[in-house]
Amino acid sequence: MSVPGVHLTAIGSGDFLLEPTRSLDISKRSELIEGIIRRLQGTKSQRLYYDLAELPVIDPVYFGWLNALARACQTVNVQMVCIHMQPTAAFALSRFVKDPPCFHSAHDVSLCGEGYPG
């Protein structure tokens, strides 16, 4: 099953890597989340790594998308971890985020072992 705008790849026992493409349209948030969650549930996944390497800035709209996806993941007992966040994106987030995000963050997948809280 394919989800438009993302590459969703199994990378290990219960772990998936989500890489957004340039065609990702977050205005269709509900459809995207439903497709991603359906795929994760079908494989009994435990963790979703969201690769932010190609995103130089995170604005409030994109932050809302990340939080909504993370909340949906939580409802099916999947932990979402954002990886490869660029310094410019982290700085932009720090300018407007008041409450902790619903997702965890890490430098990369190798830093996320079993039980890693983020």
PDB file of N, CA and C in Angstrom:
ATOM      1  N   MET A   1       0.841  -1.183   0.000  1.00  0.00           N
ATOM      2  CA  MET A   1       0.000   0.000   0.000  1.00  0.00           C
ATOM      3  C   MET A   1       0.882   1.241   0.000  1.00  0.00           C
ATOM      4  N   SER A   2       0.595   2.158  -0.868  1.00  0.00           N
ATOM      5  CA  SER A   2       1.383   3.374  -1.013  1.00  0.00           C
ATOM      6  C   SER A   2       0.625   4.561  -0.416  1.00  0.00           C
ATOM      7  N   VAL A   3       1.372   5.449   0.222  1.00  0.00           N
ATOM      8  CA  VAL A   3       0.794   6.679   0.757  1.00  0.00           C
ATOM      9  C   VAL A   3       1.387   7.822  -0.069  1.00  0.00           C
ATOM     10  N   PRO A   4       0.542   8.623  -0.744  1.00  0.00           N
ATOM     11  CA  PRO A   4       1.065   9.676  -1.613  1.00  0.00           C
ATOM     12  C   PRO A   4       1.854  10.727  -0.833  1.00  0.00           C
ATOM     13  N   GLY A   5       3.025  11.086  -1.371  1.00  0.00           N
ATOM     14  CA  GLY A   5       3.824  12.148  -0.773  1.00  0.00           C
ATOM     15  C   GLY A   5       4.847  11.687   0.249  1.00  0.00           C
ATOM     16  N   VAL A   6       4.892  10.383   0.523  1.00  0.00           N
ATOM     17  CA  VAL A   6       5.869   9.876   1.488  1.00  0.00           C
ATOM     18  C   VAL A   6       6.414   8.532   1.025  1.00  0.00           C
ATOM     19  N   HIS A   7       7.642   8.270   1.433  1.00  0.00           N
ATOM     20  CA  HIS A   7       8.213   6.933   1.312  1.00  0.00           C
ATOM     21  C   HIS A   7       8.155   6.351   2.711  1.00  0.00           C
ATOM     22  N   LEU A   8       7.496   5.230   2.862  1.00  0.00           N
ATOM     23  CA  LEU A   8       7.356   4.569   4.153  1.00  0.00           C
ATOM     24  C   LEU A   8       8.015   3.207   4.032  1.00  0.00           C
ATOM     25  N   THR A   9       9.121   3.030   4.750  1.00  0.00           N
ATOM     26  CA  THR A   9       9.958   1.855   4.587  1.00  0.00           C
ATOM     27  C   THR A   9      10.173   1.148   5.919  1.00  0.00           C
ATOM     28  N   ALA A  10       9.987  -0.164   5.933  1.00  0.00           N
ATOM     29  CA  ALA A  10      10.319  -0.957   7.114  1.00  0.00           C
ATOM     30  C   ALA A  10      11.837  -0.993   7.237  1.00  0.00           C
ATOM     31  N   ILE A  11      12.357  -0.662   8.422  1.00  0.00           N
ATOM     32  CA  ILE A  11      13.811  -0.625   8.608  1.00  0.00           C
ATOM     33  C   ILE A  11      14.287  -1.561   9.713  1.00  0.00           C
ATOM     34  N   GLY A  12      13.376  -2.266  10.331  1.00  0.00           N
ATOM     35  CA  GLY A  12      13.779  -3.177  11.392  1.00  0.00           C
ATOM     36  C   GLY A  12      12.565  -3.767  12.055  1.00  0.00           C
ATOM     37  N   SER A  13      12.789  -4.478  13.089  1.00  0.00           N
ATOM     38  CA  SER A  13      11.715  -5.143  13.812  1.00  0.00           C
ATOM     39  C   SER A  13      10.769  -4.113  14.432  1.00  0.00           C
ATOM     40  N   GLY A  14       9.663  -3.868  13.767  1.00  0.00           N
ATOM     41  CA  GLY A  14       8.668  -2.932  14.273  1.00  0.00           C
ATOM     42  C   GLY A  14       8.982  -1.470  14.021  1.00  0.00           C
ATOM     43  N   ASP A  15      10.048  -1.170  13.291  1.00  0.00           N
ATOM     44  CA  ASP A  15      10.439   0.214  13.013  1.00  0.00           C
ATOM     45  C   ASP A  15      10.217   0.566  11.549  1.00  0.00           C
ATOM     46  N   PHE A  16       9.719   1.785  11.319  1.00  0.00           N
ATOM     47  CA  PHE A  16       9.502   2.301   9.978  1.00  0.00           C
ATOM     48  C   PHE A  16      10.158   3.654   9.837  1.00  0.00           C
ATOM     49  N   LEU A  17      10.616   3.960   8.636  1.00  0.00           N
ATOM     50  CA  LEU A  17      11.182   5.255   8.306  1.00  0.00           C
ATOM     51  C   LEU A  17      10.223   5.945   7.349  1.00  0.00           C
ATOM     52  N   LEU A  18       9.797   7.154   7.699  1.00  0.00           N
ATOM     53  CA  LEU A  18       8.943   7.960   6.834  1.00  0.00           C
ATOM     54  C   LEU A  18       9.790   9.099   6.282  1.00  0.00           C
ATOM     55  N   GLU A  19       9.894   9.139   4.958  1.00  0.00           N
ATOM     56  CA  GLU A  19      10.620  10.207   4.283  1.00  0.00           C
ATOM     57  C   GLU A  19       9.629  10.981   3.420  1.00  0.00           C
ATOM     58  N   PRO A  20       9.340  12.230   3.796  1.00  0.00           N
ATOM     59  CA  PRO A  20       8.415  13.020   2.979  1.00  0.00           C
ATOM     60  C   PRO A  20       9.063  13.383   1.650  1.00  0.00           C
ATOM     61  N   THR A  21       8.262  13.424   0.596  1.00  0.00           N
ATOM     62  CA  THR A  21       8.757  13.837  -0.711  1.00  0.00           C
ATOM     63  C   THR A  21       8.282  15.256  -0.975  1.00  0.00           C
ATOM     64  N   ARG A  22       8.755  15.821  -2.056  1.00  0.00           N
ATOM     65  CA  ARG A  22       8.338  17.186  -2.409  1.00  0.00           C
ATOM     66  C   ARG A  22       6.854  17.260  -2.748  1.00  0.00           C
ATOM     67  N   SER A  23       6.260  16.117  -3.059  1.00  0.00           N
ATOM     68  CA  SER A  23       4.838  16.111  -3.412  1.00  0.00           C
ATOM     69  C   SER A  23       3.921  15.947  -2.200  1.00  0.00           C
ATOM     70  N   LEU A  24       4.487  15.921  -1.004  1.00  0.00           N
ATOM     71  CA  LEU A  24       3.665  15.802   0.208  1.00  0.00           C
ATOM     72  C   LEU A  24       2.733  17.001   0.317  1.00  0.00           C
ATOM     73  N   ASP A  25       1.439  16.736   0.411  1.00  0.00           N
ATOM     74  CA  ASP A  25       0.429  17.788   0.523  1.00  0.00           C
ATOM     75  C   ASP A  25      -0.249  17.663   1.879  1.00  0.00           C
ATOM     76  N   ILE A  26       0.249  18.418   2.862  1.00  0.00           N
ATOM     77  CA  ILE A  26      -0.289  18.288   4.222  1.00  0.00           C
ATOM     78  C   ILE A  26      -1.669  18.918   4.379  1.00  0.00           C
ATOM     79  N   SER A  27      -2.173  19.547   3.327  1.00  0.00           N
ATOM     80  CA  SER A  27      -3.548  20.048   3.396  1.00  0.00           C
ATOM     81  C   SER A  27      -4.537  18.877   3.370  1.00  0.00           C
ATOM     82  N   LYS A  28      -4.060  17.700   2.954  1.00  0.00           N
ATOM     83  CA  LYS A  28      -4.876  16.481   2.958  1.00  0.00           C
ATOM     84  C   LYS A  28      -4.483  15.626   4.157  1.00  0.00           C
ATOM     85  N   ARG A  29      -4.331  16.279   5.290  1.00  0.00           N
ATOM     86  CA  ARG A  29      -3.817  15.660   6.510  1.00  0.00           C
ATOM     87  C   ARG A  29      -4.572  14.413   6.918  1.00  0.00           C
ATOM     88  N   SER A  30      -5.878  14.453   6.927  1.00  0.00           N
ATOM     89  CA  SER A  30      -6.668  13.298   7.373  1.00  0.00           C
ATOM     90  C   SER A  30      -6.408  12.061   6.521  1.00  0.00           C
ATOM     91  N   GLU A  31      -6.409  12.243   5.200  1.00  0.00           N
ATOM     92  CA  GLU A  31      -6.168  11.114   4.293  1.00  0.00           C
ATOM     93  C   GLU A  31      -4.756  10.548   4.477  1.00  0.00           C
ATOM     94  N   LEU A  32      -3.782  11.444   4.619  1.00  0.00           N
ATOM     95  CA  LEU A  32      -2.399  11.011   4.812  1.00  0.00           C
ATOM     96  C   LEU A  32      -2.240  10.222   6.102  1.00  0.00           C
ATOM     97  N   ILE A  33      -2.776  10.776   7.180  1.00  0.00           N
ATOM     98  CA  ILE A  33      -2.652  10.109   8.479  1.00  0.00           C
ATOM     99  C   ILE A  33      -3.331   8.756   8.444  1.00  0.00           C
ATOM    100  N   GLU A  34      -4.517   8.688   7.859  1.00  0.00           N
ATOM    101  CA  GLU A  34      -5.230   7.413   7.774  1.00  0.00           C
ATOM    102  C   GLU A  34      -4.407   6.372   7.020  1.00  0.00           C
ATOM    103  N   GLY A  35      -3.811   6.765   5.895  1.00  0.00           N
ATOM    104  CA  GLY A  35      -2.992   5.837   5.125  1.00  0.00           C
ATOM    105  C   GLY A  35      -1.760   5.376   5.882  1.00  0.00           C
ATOM    106  N   ILE A  36      -1.094   6.301   6.552  1.00  0.00           N
ATOM    107  CA  ILE A  36       0.117   5.954   7.313  1.00  0.00           C
ATOM    108  C   ILE A  36      -0.236   5.038   8.478  1.00  0.00           C
ATOM    109  N   ILE A  37      -1.269   5.376   9.216  1.00  0.00           N
ATOM    110  CA  ILE A  37      -1.664   4.559  10.378  1.00  0.00           C
ATOM    111  C   ILE A  37      -2.118   3.179   9.935  1.00  0.00           C
ATOM    112  N   ARG A  38      -2.849   3.111   8.845  1.00  0.00           N
ATOM    113  CA  ARG A  38      -3.290   1.814   8.329  1.00  0.00           C
ATOM    114  C   ARG A  38      -2.078   0.927   8.011  1.00  0.00           C
ATOM    115  N   ARG A  39      -1.077   1.513   7.383  1.00  0.00           N
ATOM    116  CA  ARG A  39       0.144   0.756   7.049  1.00  0.00           C
ATOM    117  C   ARG A  39       0.876   0.318   8.314  1.00  0.00           C
ATOM    118  N   LEU A  40       0.990   1.197   9.286  1.00  0.00           N
ATOM    119  CA  LEU A  40       1.682   0.859  10.532  1.00  0.00           C
ATOM    120  C   LEU A  40       0.947  -0.239  11.297  1.00  0.00           C
ATOM    121  N   GLN A  41      -0.365  -0.143  11.349  1.00  0.00           N
ATOM    122  CA  GLN A  41      -1.156  -1.164  12.057  1.00  0.00           C
ATOM    123  C   GLN A  41      -1.047  -2.513  11.369  1.00  0.00           C
ATOM    124  N   GLY A  42      -1.008  -2.511  10.058  1.00  0.00           N
ATOM    125  CA  GLY A  42      -0.944  -3.760   9.309  1.00  0.00           C
ATOM    126  C   GLY A  42       0.354  -4.522   9.507  1.00  0.00           C
ATOM    127  N   THR A  43       1.350  -3.845  10.026  1.00  0.00           N
ATOM    128  CA  THR A  43       2.654  -4.486  10.227  1.00  0.00           C
ATOM    129  C   THR A  43       3.043  -4.578  11.700  1.00  0.00           C
ATOM    130  N   LYS A  44       2.132  -4.209  12.587  1.00  0.00           N
ATOM    131  CA  LYS A  44       2.391  -4.239  14.032  1.00  0.00           C
ATOM    132  C   LYS A  44       3.637  -3.434  14.398  1.00  0.00           C
ATOM    133  N   SER A  45       3.734  -2.261  13.828  1.00  0.00           N
ATOM    134  CA  SER A  45       4.912  -1.437  14.062  1.00  0.00           C
ATOM    135  C   SER A  45       4.895  -0.838  15.467  1.00  0.00           C
ATOM    136  N   GLN A  46       6.076  -0.491  15.944  1.00  0.00           N
ATOM    137  CA  GLN A  46       6.244   0.073  17.284  1.00  0.00           C
ATOM    138  C   GLN A  46       6.779   1.497  17.241  1.00  0.00           C
ATOM    139  N   ARG A  47       7.510   1.828  16.175  1.00  0.00           N
ATOM    140  CA  ARG A  47       8.169   3.126  16.113  1.00  0.00           C
ATOM    141  C   ARG A  47       8.171   3.638  14.682  1.00  0.00           C
ATOM    142  N   LEU A  48       7.896   4.941  14.544  1.00  0.00           N
ATOM    143  CA  LEU A  48       7.941   5.607  13.246  1.00  0.00           C
ATOM    144  C   LEU A  48       8.982   6.711  13.323  1.00  0.00           C
ATOM    145  N   TYR A  49      10.010   6.610  12.503  1.00  0.00           N
ATOM    146  CA  TYR A  49      11.029   7.642  12.408  1.00  0.00           C
ATOM    147  C   TYR A  49      10.654   8.559  11.253  1.00  0.00           C
ATOM    148  N   TYR A  50      10.492   9.841  11.547  1.00  0.00           N
ATOM    149  CA  TYR A  50      10.116  10.826  10.536  1.00  0.00           C
ATOM    150  C   TYR A  50      11.377  11.619  10.194  1.00  0.00           C
ATOM    151  N   ASP A  51      11.838  11.477   8.961  1.00  0.00           N
ATOM    152  CA  ASP A  51      13.095  12.095   8.530  1.00  0.00           C
ATOM    153  C   ASP A  51      12.857  13.541   8.098  1.00  0.00           C
ATOM    154  N   LEU A  52      13.447  14.481   8.826  1.00  0.00           N
ATOM    155  CA  LEU A  52      13.292  15.905   8.530  1.00  0.00           C
ATOM    156  C   LEU A  52      14.512  16.492   7.821  1.00  0.00           C
ATOM    157  N   ALA A  53      15.375  15.650   7.282  1.00  0.00           N
ATOM    158  CA  ALA A  53      16.635  16.109   6.694  1.00  0.00           C
ATOM    159  C   ALA A  53      16.444  17.142   5.580  1.00  0.00           C
ATOM    160  N   GLU A  54      15.379  17.036   4.821  1.00  0.00           N
ATOM    161  CA  GLU A  54      15.167  17.929   3.679  1.00  0.00           C
ATOM    162  C   GLU A  54      14.317  19.153   4.024  1.00  0.00           C
ATOM    163  N   LEU A  55      14.032  19.342   5.296  1.00  0.00           N
ATOM    164  CA  LEU A  55      13.155  20.440   5.710  1.00  0.00           C
ATOM    165  C   LEU A  55      13.962  21.495   6.469  1.00  0.00           C
ATOM    166  N   PRO A  56      14.321  22.618   5.816  1.00  0.00           N
ATOM    167  CA  PRO A  56      15.163  23.610   6.477  1.00  0.00           C
ATOM    168  C   PRO A  56      14.438  24.423   7.554  1.00  0.00           C
ATOM    169  N   VAL A  57      13.121  24.560   7.435  1.00  0.00           N
ATOM    170  CA  VAL A  57      12.344  25.344   8.403  1.00  0.00           C
ATOM    171  C   VAL A  57      11.028  24.627   8.687  1.00  0.00           C
ATOM    172  N   ILE A  58      10.635  24.641   9.944  1.00  0.00           N
ATOM    173  CA  ILE A  58       9.327  24.101  10.332  1.00  0.00           C
ATOM    174  C   ILE A  58       8.479  25.284  10.788  1.00  0.00           C
ATOM    175  N   ASP A  59       7.392  25.508  10.070  1.00  0.00           N
ATOM    176  CA  ASP A  59       6.485  26.593  10.423  1.00  0.00           C
ATOM    177  C   ASP A  59       5.323  26.033  11.247  1.00  0.00           C
ATOM    178  N   PRO A  60       4.447  26.896  11.783  1.00  0.00           N
ATOM    179  CA  PRO A  60       3.338  26.411  12.610  1.00  0.00           C
ATOM    180  C   PRO A  60       2.418  25.418  11.888  1.00  0.00           C
ATOM    181  N   VAL A  61       2.228  25.563  10.590  1.00  0.00           N
ATOM    182  CA  VAL A  61       1.362  24.646   9.853  1.00  0.00           C
ATOM    183  C   VAL A  61       1.995  23.254   9.793  1.00  0.00           C
ATOM    184  N   TYR A  62       3.282  23.203   9.475  1.00  0.00           N
ATOM    185  CA  TYR A  62       3.962  21.907   9.404  1.00  0.00           C
ATOM    186  C   TYR A  62       4.079  21.290  10.790  1.00  0.00           C
ATOM    187  N   PHE A  63       4.305  22.114  11.799  1.00  0.00           N
ATOM    188  CA  PHE A  63       4.342  21.622  13.174  1.00  0.00           C
ATOM    189  C   PHE A  63       2.999  20.987  13.544  1.00  0.00           C
ATOM    190  N   GLY A  64       1.901  21.608  13.117  1.00  0.00           N
ATOM    191  CA  GLY A  64       0.565  21.041  13.362  1.00  0.00           C
ATOM    192  C   GLY A  64       0.417  19.676  12.713  1.00  0.00           C
ATOM    193  N   TRP A  65       0.963  19.530  11.491  1.00  0.00           N
ATOM    194  CA  TRP A  65       0.938  18.247  10.793  1.00  0.00           C
ATOM    195  C   TRP A  65       1.727  17.200  11.580  1.00  0.00           C
ATOM    196  N   LEU A  66       2.932  17.552  12.015  1.00  0.00           N
ATOM    197  CA  LEU A  66       3.751  16.605  12.778  1.00  0.00           C
ATOM    198  C   LEU A  66       3.055  16.186  14.072  1.00  0.00           C
ATOM    199  N   ASN A  67       2.478  17.144  14.767  1.00  0.00           N
ATOM    200  CA  ASN A  67       1.782  16.838  16.023  1.00  0.00           C
ATOM    201  C   ASN A  67       0.557  15.957  15.791  1.00  0.00           C
ATOM    202  N   ALA A  68      -0.195  16.243  14.739  1.00  0.00           N
ATOM    203  CA  ALA A  68      -1.386  15.438  14.444  1.00  0.00           C
ATOM    204  C   ALA A  68      -0.996  13.997  14.118  1.00  0.00           C
ATOM    205  N   LEU A  69       0.061  13.828  13.318  1.00  0.00           N
ATOM    206  CA  LEU A  69       0.528  12.487  12.996  1.00  0.00           C
ATOM    207  C   LEU A  69       1.031  11.776  14.252  1.00  0.00           C
ATOM    208  N   ALA A  70       1.767  12.484  15.094  1.00  0.00           N
ATOM    209  CA  ALA A  70       2.275  11.885  16.335  1.00  0.00           C
ATOM    210  C   ALA A  70       1.131  11.462  17.259  1.00  0.00           C
ATOM    211  N   ARG A  71       0.098  12.281  17.368  1.00  0.00           N
ATOM    212  CA  ARG A  71      -1.069  11.918  18.205  1.00  0.00           C
ATOM    213  C   ARG A  71      -1.762  10.685  17.648  1.00  0.00           C
ATOM    214  N   ALA A  72      -1.913  10.617  16.334  1.00  0.00           N
ATOM    215  CA  ALA A  72      -2.532   9.438  15.714  1.00  0.00           C
ATOM    216  C   ALA A  72      -1.682   8.202  15.980  1.00  0.00           C
ATOM    217  N   CYS A  73      -0.369   8.343  15.872  1.00  0.00           N
ATOM    218  CA  CYS A  73       0.530   7.217  16.173  1.00  0.00           C
ATOM    219  C   CYS A  73       0.351   6.763  17.620  1.00  0.00           C
ATOM    220  N   GLN A  74       0.256   7.692  18.531  1.00  0.00           N
ATOM    221  CA  GLN A  74       0.076   7.353  19.941  1.00  0.00           C
ATOM    222  C   GLN A  74      -1.184   6.532  20.173  1.00  0.00           C
ATOM    223  N   THR A  75      -2.232   6.833  19.415  1.00  0.00           N
ATOM    224  CA  THR A  75      -3.494   6.112  19.619  1.00  0.00           C
ATOM    225  C   THR A  75      -3.391   4.640  19.232  1.00  0.00           C
ATOM    226  N   VAL A  76      -2.408   4.301  18.386  1.00  0.00           N
ATOM    227  CA  VAL A  76      -2.214   2.903  17.993  1.00  0.00           C
ATOM    228  C   VAL A  76      -0.916   2.347  18.581  1.00  0.00           C
ATOM    229  N   ASN A  77      -0.438   3.007  19.631  1.00  0.00           N
ATOM    230  CA  ASN A  77       0.732   2.566  20.384  1.00  0.00           C
ATOM    231  C   ASN A  77       2.014   2.513  19.544  1.00  0.00           C
ATOM    232  N   VAL A  78       2.187   3.539  18.708  1.00  0.00           N
ATOM    233  CA  VAL A  78       3.407   3.686  17.909  1.00  0.00           C
ATOM    234  C   VAL A  78       4.064   4.992  18.343  1.00  0.00           C
ATOM    235  N   GLN A  79       5.333   4.927  18.647  1.00  0.00           N
ATOM    236  CA  GLN A  79       6.087   6.108  19.040  1.00  0.00           C
ATOM    237  C   GLN A  79       6.631   6.792  17.787  1.00  0.00           C
ATOM    238  N   MET A  80       6.450   8.110  17.681  1.00  0.00           N
ATOM    239  CA  MET A  80       6.993   8.851  16.551  1.00  0.00           C
ATOM    240  C   MET A  80       8.214   9.632  17.001  1.00  0.00           C
ATOM    241  N   VAL A  81       9.307   9.454  16.251  1.00  0.00           N
ATOM    242  CA  VAL A  81      10.564  10.120  16.547  1.00  0.00           C
ATOM    243  C   VAL A  81      11.004  10.884  15.302  1.00  0.00           C
ATOM    244  N   CYS A  82      11.164  12.194  15.418  1.00  0.00           N
ATOM    245  CA  CYS A  82      11.669  12.994  14.312  1.00  0.00           C
ATOM    246  C   CYS A  82      13.194  12.965  14.349  1.00  0.00           C
ATOM    247  N   ILE A  83      13.793  12.654  13.197  1.00  0.00           N
ATOM    248  CA  ILE A  83      15.245  12.558  13.112  1.00  0.00           C
ATOM    249  C   ILE A  83      15.778  13.527  12.058  1.00  0.00           C
ATOM    250  N   HIS A  84      17.061  13.795  12.143  1.00  0.00           N
ATOM    251  CA  HIS A  84      17.771  14.645  11.181  1.00  0.00           C
ATOM    252  C   HIS A  84      17.212  16.065  11.122  1.00  0.00           C
ATOM    253  N   MET A  85      16.729  16.593  12.240  1.00  0.00           N
ATOM    254  CA  MET A  85      16.206  17.961  12.233  1.00  0.00           C
ATOM    255  C   MET A  85      17.376  18.936  12.058  1.00  0.00           C
ATOM    256  N   GLN A  86      17.251  19.785  11.076  1.00  0.00           N
ATOM    257  CA  GLN A  86      18.292  20.775  10.807  1.00  0.00           C
ATOM    258  C   GLN A  86      18.280  21.862  11.882  1.00  0.00           C
ATOM    259  N   PRO A  87      19.410  22.481  12.163  1.00  0.00           N
ATOM    260  CA  PRO A  87      19.462  23.549  13.164  1.00  0.00           C
ATOM    261  C   PRO A  87      18.491  24.695  12.862  1.00  0.00           C
ATOM    262  N   THR A  88      18.322  25.033  11.583  1.00  0.00           N
ATOM    263  CA  THR A  88      17.397  26.107  11.223  1.00  0.00           C
ATOM    264  C   THR A  88      15.959  25.738  11.571  1.00  0.00           C
ATOM    265  N   ALA A  89      15.606  24.462  11.399  1.00  0.00           N
ATOM    266  CA  ALA A  89      14.258  24.001  11.739  1.00  0.00           C
ATOM    267  C   ALA A  89      14.067  24.017  13.253  1.00  0.00           C
ATOM    268  N   ALA A  90      15.080  23.579  13.993  1.00  0.00           N
ATOM    269  CA  ALA A  90      14.992  23.585  15.459  1.00  0.00           C
ATOM    270  C   ALA A  90      14.842  25.016  15.973  1.00  0.00           C
ATOM    271  N   PHE A  91      15.589  25.931  15.399  1.00  0.00           N
ATOM    272  CA  PHE A  91      15.490  27.326  15.810  1.00  0.00           C
ATOM    273  C   PHE A  91      14.101  27.884  15.514  1.00  0.00           C
ATOM    274  N   ALA A  92      13.580  27.593  14.331  1.00  0.00           N
ATOM    275  CA  ALA A  92      12.240  28.073  13.981  1.00  0.00           C
ATOM    276  C   ALA A  92      11.202  27.533  14.959  1.00  0.00           C
ATOM    277  N   LEU A  93      11.313  26.252  15.297  1.00  0.00           N
ATOM    278  CA  LEU A  93      10.382  25.667  16.270  1.00  0.00           C
ATOM    279  C   LEU A  93      10.460  26.386  17.611  1.00  0.00           C
ATOM    280  N   SER A  94      11.662  26.691  18.044  1.00  0.00           N
ATOM    281  CA  SER A  94      11.841  27.326  19.356  1.00  0.00           C
ATOM    282  C   SER A  94      11.197  28.699  19.415  1.00  0.00           C
ATOM    283  N   ARG A  95      10.966  29.303  18.273  1.00  0.00           N
ATOM    284  CA  ARG A  95      10.379  30.646  18.234  1.00  0.00           C
ATOM    285  C   ARG A  95       8.874  30.657  18.506  1.00  0.00           C
ATOM    286  N   PHE A  96       8.172  29.552  18.220  1.00  0.00           N
ATOM    287  CA  PHE A  96       6.716  29.587  18.383  1.00  0.00           C
ATOM    288  C   PHE A  96       6.135  28.459  19.223  1.00  0.00           C
ATOM    289  N   VAL A  97       6.864  27.417  19.494  1.00  0.00           N
ATOM    290  CA  VAL A  97       6.312  26.293  20.259  1.00  0.00           C
ATOM    291  C   VAL A  97       6.279  26.648  21.737  1.00  0.00           C
ATOM    292  N   LYS A  98       5.106  26.541  22.329  1.00  0.00           N
ATOM    293  CA  LYS A  98       4.938  26.853  23.755  1.00  0.00           C
ATOM    294  C   LYS A  98       4.886  25.586  24.601  1.00  0.00           C
ATOM    295  N   ASP A  99       4.231  24.545  24.086  1.00  0.00           N
ATOM    296  CA  ASP A  99       4.088  23.285  24.812  1.00  0.00           C
ATOM    297  C   ASP A  99       4.963  22.222  24.142  1.00  0.00           C
ATOM    298  N   PRO A 100       5.372  21.221  24.897  1.00  0.00           N
ATOM    299  CA  PRO A 100       6.181  20.160  24.280  1.00  0.00           C
ATOM    300  C   PRO A 100       5.419  19.493  23.134  1.00  0.00           C
ATOM    301  N   PRO A 101       6.133  19.149  22.075  1.00  0.00           N
ATOM    302  CA  PRO A 101       5.470  18.475  20.952  1.00  0.00           C
ATOM    303  C   PRO A 101       5.043  17.061  21.340  1.00  0.00           C
ATOM    304  N   CYS A 102       4.167  16.482  20.546  1.00  0.00           N
ATOM    305  CA  CYS A 102       3.680  15.118  20.783  1.00  0.00           C
ATOM    306  C   CYS A 102       4.674  14.070  20.295  1.00  0.00           C
ATOM    307  N   PHE A 103       5.710  14.492  19.588  1.00  0.00           N
ATOM    308  CA  PHE A 103       6.700  13.565  19.070  1.00  0.00           C
ATOM    309  C   PHE A 103       8.016  13.722  19.828  1.00  0.00           C
ATOM    310  N   HIS A 104       8.851  12.709  19.701  1.00  0.00           N
ATOM    311  CA  HIS A 104      10.200  12.758  20.254  1.00  0.00           C
ATOM    312  C   HIS A 104      11.149  13.176  19.150  1.00  0.00           C
ATOM    313  N   SER A 105      12.373  13.464  19.503  1.00  0.00           N
ATOM    314  CA  SER A 105      13.365  13.769  18.482  1.00  0.00           C
ATOM    315  C   SER A 105      14.690  13.106  18.841  1.00  0.00           C
ATOM    316  N   ALA A 106      15.475  12.838  17.820  1.00  0.00           N
ATOM    317  CA  ALA A 106      16.801  12.242  17.977  1.00  0.00           C
ATOM    318  C   ALA A 106      17.626  12.648  16.774  1.00  0.00           C
ATOM    319  N   HIS A 107      18.934  12.556  16.921  1.00  0.00           N
ATOM    320  CA  HIS A 107      19.798  12.924  15.799  1.00  0.00           C
ATOM    321  C   HIS A 107      19.583  11.979  14.618  1.00  0.00           C
ATOM    322  N   ASP A 108      19.584  10.677  14.899  1.00  0.00           N
ATOM    323  CA  ASP A 108      19.340   9.700  13.836  1.00  0.00           C
ATOM    324  C   ASP A 108      18.821   8.394  14.437  1.00  0.00           C
ATOM    325  N   VAL A 109      18.560   7.436  13.608  1.00  0.00           N
ATOM    326  CA  VAL A 109      17.982   6.170  14.041  1.00  0.00           C
ATOM    327  C   VAL A 109      18.914   5.420  14.983  1.00  0.00           C
ATOM    328  N   SER A 110      20.214   5.500  14.765  1.00  0.00           N
ATOM    329  CA  SER A 110      21.155   4.721  15.581  1.00  0.00           C
ATOM    330  C   SER A 110      21.138   5.133  17.043  1.00  0.00           C
ATOM    331  N   LEU A 111      20.664   6.326  17.357  1.00  0.00           N
ATOM    332  CA  LEU A 111      20.610   6.779  18.744  1.00  0.00           C
ATOM    333  C   LEU A 111      19.340   6.337  19.447  1.00  0.00           C
ATOM    334  N   CYS A 112      18.467   5.644  18.750  1.00  0.00           N
ATOM    335  CA  CYS A 112      17.170   5.274  19.299  1.00  0.00           C
ATOM    336  C   CYS A 112      17.133   3.778  19.553  1.00  0.00           C
ATOM    337  N   GLY A 113      17.509   3.376  20.720  1.00  0.00           N
ATOM    338  CA  GLY A 113      17.461   1.953  21.067  1.00  0.00           C
ATOM    339  C   GLY A 113      16.140   1.593  21.681  1.00  0.00           C
ATOM    340  N   GLU A 114      16.018   0.367  22.134  1.00  0.00           N
ATOM    341  CA  GLU A 114      14.803  -0.088  22.799  1.00  0.00           C
ATOM    342  C   GLU A 114      14.517   0.786  24.011  1.00  0.00           C
ATOM    343  N   GLY A 115      13.305   1.202  24.139  1.00  0.00           N
ATOM    344  CA  GLY A 115      12.894   2.005  25.286  1.00  0.00           C
ATOM    345  C   GLY A 115      13.337   3.440  25.221  1.00  0.00           C
ATOM    346  N   TYR A 116      13.903   3.866  24.104  1.00  0.00           N
ATOM    347  CA  TYR A 116      14.360   5.250  23.987  1.00  0.00           C
ATOM    348  C   TYR A 116      13.165   6.185  24.059  1.00  0.00           C
ATOM    349  N   PRO A 117      13.148   7.113  25.023  1.00  0.00           N
ATOM    350  CA  PRO A 117      12.000   8.010  25.164  1.00  0.00           C
ATOM    351  C   PRO A 117      12.037   9.208  24.241  1.00  0.00           C
ATOM    352  N   GLY A 118      13.167   9.516  23.659  1.00  0.00           N
ATOM    353  CA  GLY A 118      13.243  10.667  22.765  1.00  0.00           C
ATOM    354  C   GLY A 118      13.923  11.839  23.390  1.00  0.00           C
TER     355      GLY A 118
END
